[in-house]
Amino acid sequence: MCLAVPGGAEWQKRVRIWDLPTRVFHWSLVALVAAAFVSGLIGGNAMVWHGRIGIGIAGLLAFRIVWGFAGSTYARFTQFVRGPAAIRDYLQGRWQGLGHNPLGALSVLGLLTVLFAQVITGLFGNDDIAFNGYLYDLVSKSTSDRLTSLHALNAWLVGALIALHLGAIAFYVRVKKEDLVGPMLRGWHERRNQNEESLSGGGIIAFIVALAIALATAWFATGAWIPAPPPPLPSATPDF
């Protein structure tokens, strides 16, 4: 959609950049990560929900990986993951485009990586009280303890990257006068005197495949496929 500007000197084009699955993924991940932090800090009985939230995050991350290859234009890794030359152009003010900028792409990859690490270490971890990760039985207690320590340390890295992400959004809003939150809510962005095309691809078949893989990942993370331990042997009855 093009919008005329008085005087005819400029025009605005409403460009669709974020498809609905990408937006639902983004805000669902925001909610679940926040809930994971809160439940982890509370501990105790809240750890049951902490584990369930981790299952949800695992499914979301799997969906985003698949959608990064099969989704629409600006959700694809090939569209926004760029090399050093693009990063240099961006830092020198020569880069223009829609979607994630070259530095934003590094932030996305970094967050996906540390969240995957957080989920994996949590699935094998324990709290030394009453809660064990869903895949705890696949490793030894010492291995679980090491992964639990990594889980606690990595939580700080997750928090740091989130803080950096929020800081970048604030910088864009206050300094560069560019809204990054609005497009992730409504799906489109208005551009002046630009010829970028709206998103394409990421149809229903791609969505079904991504959703199926996400659900399979969540099921796998529950450990429901792990065989139940054999029942304990009956105690010997003393002869009288």
Protein backbone atom coordinates (compact mmCIF):
# COMPACT_ATOMS: atom_id res chain seq x y z
CA MET A 1 0.00 0.00 0.00
CA CYS A 2 1.41 3.40 -0.98
CA LEU A 3 0.42 6.52 0.90
CA ALA A 4 0.80 9.91 -0.77
CA VAL A 5 2.58 12.67 1.15
CA PRO A 6 1.53 16.31 0.69
CA GLY A 7 3.74 18.08 -1.84
CA GLY A 8 4.59 14.94 -3.71
CA ALA A 9 8.22 15.00 -2.54
CA GLU A 10 7.99 11.73 -0.65
CA TRP A 11 5.81 8.67 -0.59
CA GLN A 12 5.33 5.95 1.94
CA LYS A 13 4.93 2.26 1.28
CA ARG A 14 3.44 -0.14 3.79
CA VAL A 15 5.58 -3.27 3.55
CA ARG A 16 4.68 -6.55 5.24
CA ILE A 17 7.81 -7.93 6.90
CA TRP A 18 6.78 -10.21 9.79
CA ASP A 19 4.36 -13.03 9.11
CA LEU A 20 1.91 -14.23 11.75
CA PRO A 21 3.85 -17.38 12.76
CA THR A 22 7.00 -15.30 13.35
CA ARG A 23 5.10 -12.81 15.49
CA VAL A 24 3.34 -15.52 17.51
CA PHE A 25 6.69 -17.24 18.04
CA HIS A 26 8.34 -14.01 19.17
CA TRP A 27 5.76 -12.97 21.75
CA SER A 28 5.22 -16.54 22.98
CA LEU A 29 8.97 -16.83 23.56
CA VAL A 30 8.99 -13.52 25.42
CA ALA A 31 6.21 -14.73 27.72
CA LEU A 32 7.71 -18.17 28.35
CA VAL A 33 11.25 -16.90 29.00
CA ALA A 34 9.88 -14.37 31.49
CA ALA A 35 7.85 -17.12 33.17
CA ALA A 36 10.92 -19.38 33.26
CA PHE A 37 12.96 -16.71 35.04
CA VAL A 38 10.21 -16.08 37.60
CA SER A 39 9.53 -19.75 38.31
CA GLY A 40 13.25 -20.49 38.57
CA LEU A 41 13.73 -17.70 41.11
CA ILE A 42 10.76 -18.86 43.17
CA GLY A 43 11.93 -22.48 43.21
CA GLY A 44 10.14 -25.06 45.35
CA ASN A 45 6.84 -26.20 43.87
CA ALA A 46 7.22 -23.66 41.06
CA MET A 47 9.96 -25.86 39.61
CA VAL A 48 7.27 -28.16 38.24
CA TRP A 49 6.07 -25.27 36.10
CA HIS A 50 9.66 -24.27 35.36
CA GLY A 51 10.14 -27.67 33.72
CA ARG A 52 6.91 -27.45 31.76
CA ILE A 53 7.84 -23.98 30.54
CA GLY A 54 11.16 -25.38 29.36
CA ILE A 55 9.27 -27.93 27.26
CA GLY A 56 7.34 -25.11 25.64
CA ILE A 57 10.51 -23.15 24.92
CA ALA A 58 12.09 -26.25 23.35
CA GLY A 59 9.14 -26.54 20.96
CA LEU A 60 9.26 -22.85 20.09
CA LEU A 61 12.96 -22.95 19.34
CA ALA A 62 12.54 -25.97 17.09
CA PHE A 63 9.74 -24.16 15.25
CA ARG A 64 11.92 -21.08 14.72
CA ILE A 65 14.81 -23.12 13.34
CA VAL A 66 12.56 -24.79 10.78
CA TRP A 67 10.81 -21.51 10.00
CA GLY A 68 14.22 -19.93 9.45
CA PHE A 69 14.57 -22.15 6.39
CA ALA A 70 10.96 -22.66 5.26
CA GLY A 71 9.30 -19.44 6.43
CA SER A 72 8.59 -16.18 4.65
CA THR A 73 11.20 -13.78 3.27
CA TYR A 74 12.34 -11.82 6.31
CA ALA A 75 12.16 -14.79 8.69
CA ARG A 76 14.70 -16.81 6.70
CA PHE A 77 18.25 -17.05 7.96
CA THR A 78 19.55 -16.64 4.41
CA GLN A 79 17.90 -13.22 4.28
CA PHE A 80 19.25 -11.69 7.48
CA VAL A 81 22.40 -13.63 8.41
CA ARG A 82 25.16 -11.75 6.60
CA GLY A 83 28.93 -11.67 6.58
CA PRO A 84 31.48 -9.16 7.95
CA ALA A 85 31.15 -6.89 4.92
CA ALA A 86 27.45 -6.27 5.63
CA ILE A 87 28.22 -5.61 9.30
CA ARG A 88 30.90 -3.10 8.30
CA ASP A 89 28.50 -1.35 5.90
CA TYR A 90 25.88 -1.19 8.66
CA LEU A 91 28.32 0.32 11.17
CA GLN A 92 29.38 2.89 8.58
CA GLY A 93 25.79 3.82 7.79
CA ARG A 94 25.70 2.36 4.28
CA TRP A 95 23.35 -0.56 4.93
CA GLN A 96 19.65 -0.25 4.17
CA GLY A 97 17.03 -2.92 4.29
CA LEU A 98 14.09 -4.46 6.07
CA GLY A 99 13.93 -7.09 8.76
CA HIS A 100 16.88 -7.77 11.02
CA ASN A 101 19.93 -5.61 10.36
CA PRO A 102 23.37 -7.34 10.31
CA LEU A 103 23.98 -6.68 14.02
CA GLY A 104 20.43 -7.66 14.88
CA ALA A 105 21.04 -10.95 13.09
CA LEU A 106 23.93 -11.67 15.46
CA SER A 107 21.63 -10.93 18.39
CA VAL A 108 19.00 -13.36 17.08
CA LEU A 109 21.54 -16.13 16.56
CA GLY A 110 23.07 -15.49 19.97
CA LEU A 111 19.72 -15.64 21.76
CA LEU A 112 18.68 -18.82 19.95
CA THR A 113 22.00 -20.45 20.85
CA VAL A 114 21.97 -19.59 24.56
CA LEU A 115 18.29 -20.51 24.90
CA PHE A 116 18.96 -23.89 23.30
CA ALA A 117 21.82 -24.40 25.75
CA GLN A 118 19.55 -23.38 28.62
CA VAL A 119 16.85 -25.83 27.60
CA ILE A 120 19.26 -28.73 27.08
CA THR A 121 21.08 -28.26 30.38
CA GLY A 122 17.75 -27.90 32.18
CA LEU A 123 16.38 -31.12 30.76
CA PHE A 124 19.26 -33.05 32.34
CA GLY A 125 19.53 -30.95 35.50
CA ASN A 126 18.21 -31.30 39.05
CA ASP A 127 17.63 -29.07 42.06
CA ASP A 128 18.95 -31.54 44.66
CA ILE A 129 15.58 -31.44 46.40
CA ALA A 130 12.56 -32.80 44.60
CA PHE A 131 12.78 -31.80 40.93
CA ASN A 132 14.73 -33.51 38.17
CA GLY A 133 14.81 -32.56 34.51
CA TYR A 134 12.75 -34.70 32.18
CA LEU A 135 15.86 -36.39 30.75
CA TYR A 136 17.65 -36.71 34.08
CA ASP A 137 17.55 -40.52 34.00
CA LEU A 138 19.73 -40.60 30.87
CA VAL A 139 22.84 -39.30 32.63
CA SER A 140 24.71 -39.91 35.86
CA LYS A 141 24.15 -37.76 38.96
CA SER A 142 27.58 -36.15 38.57
CA THR A 143 26.88 -35.25 34.94
CA SER A 144 23.50 -33.85 35.93
CA ASP A 145 25.14 -31.73 38.62
CA ARG A 146 27.62 -30.29 36.11
CA LEU A 147 24.83 -29.49 33.67
CA THR A 148 22.83 -27.90 36.48
CA SER A 149 25.78 -25.61 37.23
CA LEU A 150 26.02 -24.69 33.55
CA HIS A 151 22.28 -24.05 33.54
CA ALA A 152 22.66 -21.55 36.38
CA LEU A 153 25.63 -19.80 34.75
CA ASN A 154 24.00 -19.68 31.32
CA ALA A 155 20.94 -18.00 32.83
CA TRP A 156 23.12 -14.92 33.40
CA LEU A 157 24.16 -14.97 29.74
CA VAL A 158 20.53 -15.26 28.65
CA GLY A 159 19.68 -12.28 30.85
CA ALA A 160 22.59 -10.25 29.47
CA LEU A 161 21.59 -10.85 25.86
CA ILE A 162 17.98 -9.97 26.62
CA ALA A 163 19.14 -6.74 28.29
CA LEU A 164 21.28 -5.96 25.24
CA HIS A 165 18.32 -6.69 22.98
CA LEU A 166 16.07 -4.32 24.96
CA GLY A 167 18.79 -1.68 24.98
CA ALA A 168 19.09 -1.85 21.20
CA ILE A 169 15.32 -1.41 20.85
CA ALA A 170 15.41 1.64 23.14
CA PHE A 171 18.33 3.07 21.14
CA TYR A 172 16.43 2.72 17.88
CA VAL A 173 13.32 4.35 19.33
CA ARG A 174 15.02 7.29 21.08
CA VAL A 175 18.04 7.97 18.87
CA LYS A 176 17.22 6.68 15.41
CA LYS A 177 13.48 7.37 15.74
CA GLU A 178 12.60 3.95 14.37
CA ASP A 179 9.97 1.73 15.94
CA LEU A 180 10.98 -1.93 16.07
CA VAL A 181 8.21 -3.15 18.36
CA GLY A 182 5.24 -1.97 16.29
CA PRO A 183 6.12 -4.01 13.18
CA MET A 184 6.52 -7.13 15.33
CA LEU A 185 2.99 -6.54 16.63
CA ARG A 186 1.18 -5.60 13.44
CA GLY A 187 3.40 -7.27 10.83
CA TRP A 188 4.05 -4.30 8.56
CA HIS A 189 6.35 -1.29 8.43
CA GLU A 190 6.06 2.01 6.57
CA ARG A 191 9.07 2.98 4.46
CA ARG A 192 9.68 6.27 2.71
CA ASN A 193 11.03 6.34 -0.83
CA GLN A 194 12.02 2.67 -0.64
CA ASN A 195 11.23 -0.13 -3.04
CA GLU A 196 11.46 -3.19 -0.79
CA GLU A 197 8.93 -5.87 -1.55
CA SER A 198 6.55 -7.40 0.97
CA LEU A 199 7.28 -10.85 2.31
CA SER A 200 6.56 -13.98 0.33
CA GLY A 201 6.74 -17.73 0.99
CA GLY A 202 6.10 -19.56 4.22
CA GLY A 203 2.79 -21.06 3.21
CA ILE A 204 0.50 -23.47 5.02
CA ILE A 205 2.53 -26.58 4.16
CA ALA A 206 5.72 -25.03 5.55
CA PHE A 207 3.81 -24.03 8.68
CA ILE A 208 2.40 -27.54 9.19
CA VAL A 209 5.87 -29.08 8.81
CA ALA A 210 7.40 -26.57 11.25
CA LEU A 211 4.57 -27.11 13.74
CA ALA A 212 4.89 -30.90 13.51
CA ILE A 213 8.63 -30.75 14.18
CA ALA A 214 8.03 -28.35 17.09
CA LEU A 215 5.48 -30.71 18.67
CA ALA A 216 7.77 -33.70 18.14
CA THR A 217 10.63 -31.82 19.80
CA ALA A 218 8.46 -30.91 22.78
CA TRP A 219 7.33 -34.53 23.13
CA PHE A 220 10.92 -35.76 22.94
CA ALA A 221 11.92 -33.25 25.62
CA THR A 222 9.29 -34.65 27.99
CA GLY A 223 11.15 -37.94 28.13
CA ALA A 224 7.91 -39.86 27.53
CA TRP A 225 9.84 -42.17 25.20
CA ILE A 226 12.26 -43.31 27.94
CA PRO A 227 11.40 -46.85 29.11
CA ALA A 228 10.08 -47.00 32.65
CA PRO A 229 12.53 -48.47 35.17
CA PRO A 230 11.87 -52.10 36.13
CA PRO A 231 9.88 -52.61 39.34
CA PRO A 232 11.92 -53.34 42.46
CA LEU A 233 12.50 -56.95 43.33
CA PRO A 234 10.25 -58.26 46.11
CA SER A 235 11.98 -58.48 49.43
CA ALA A 236 12.82 -61.94 50.65
CA THR A 237 10.40 -63.37 53.22
CA PRO A 238 12.22 -64.87 56.18
CA ASP A 239 11.51 -68.51 57.00
CA PHE A 240 10.05 -69.25 60.42
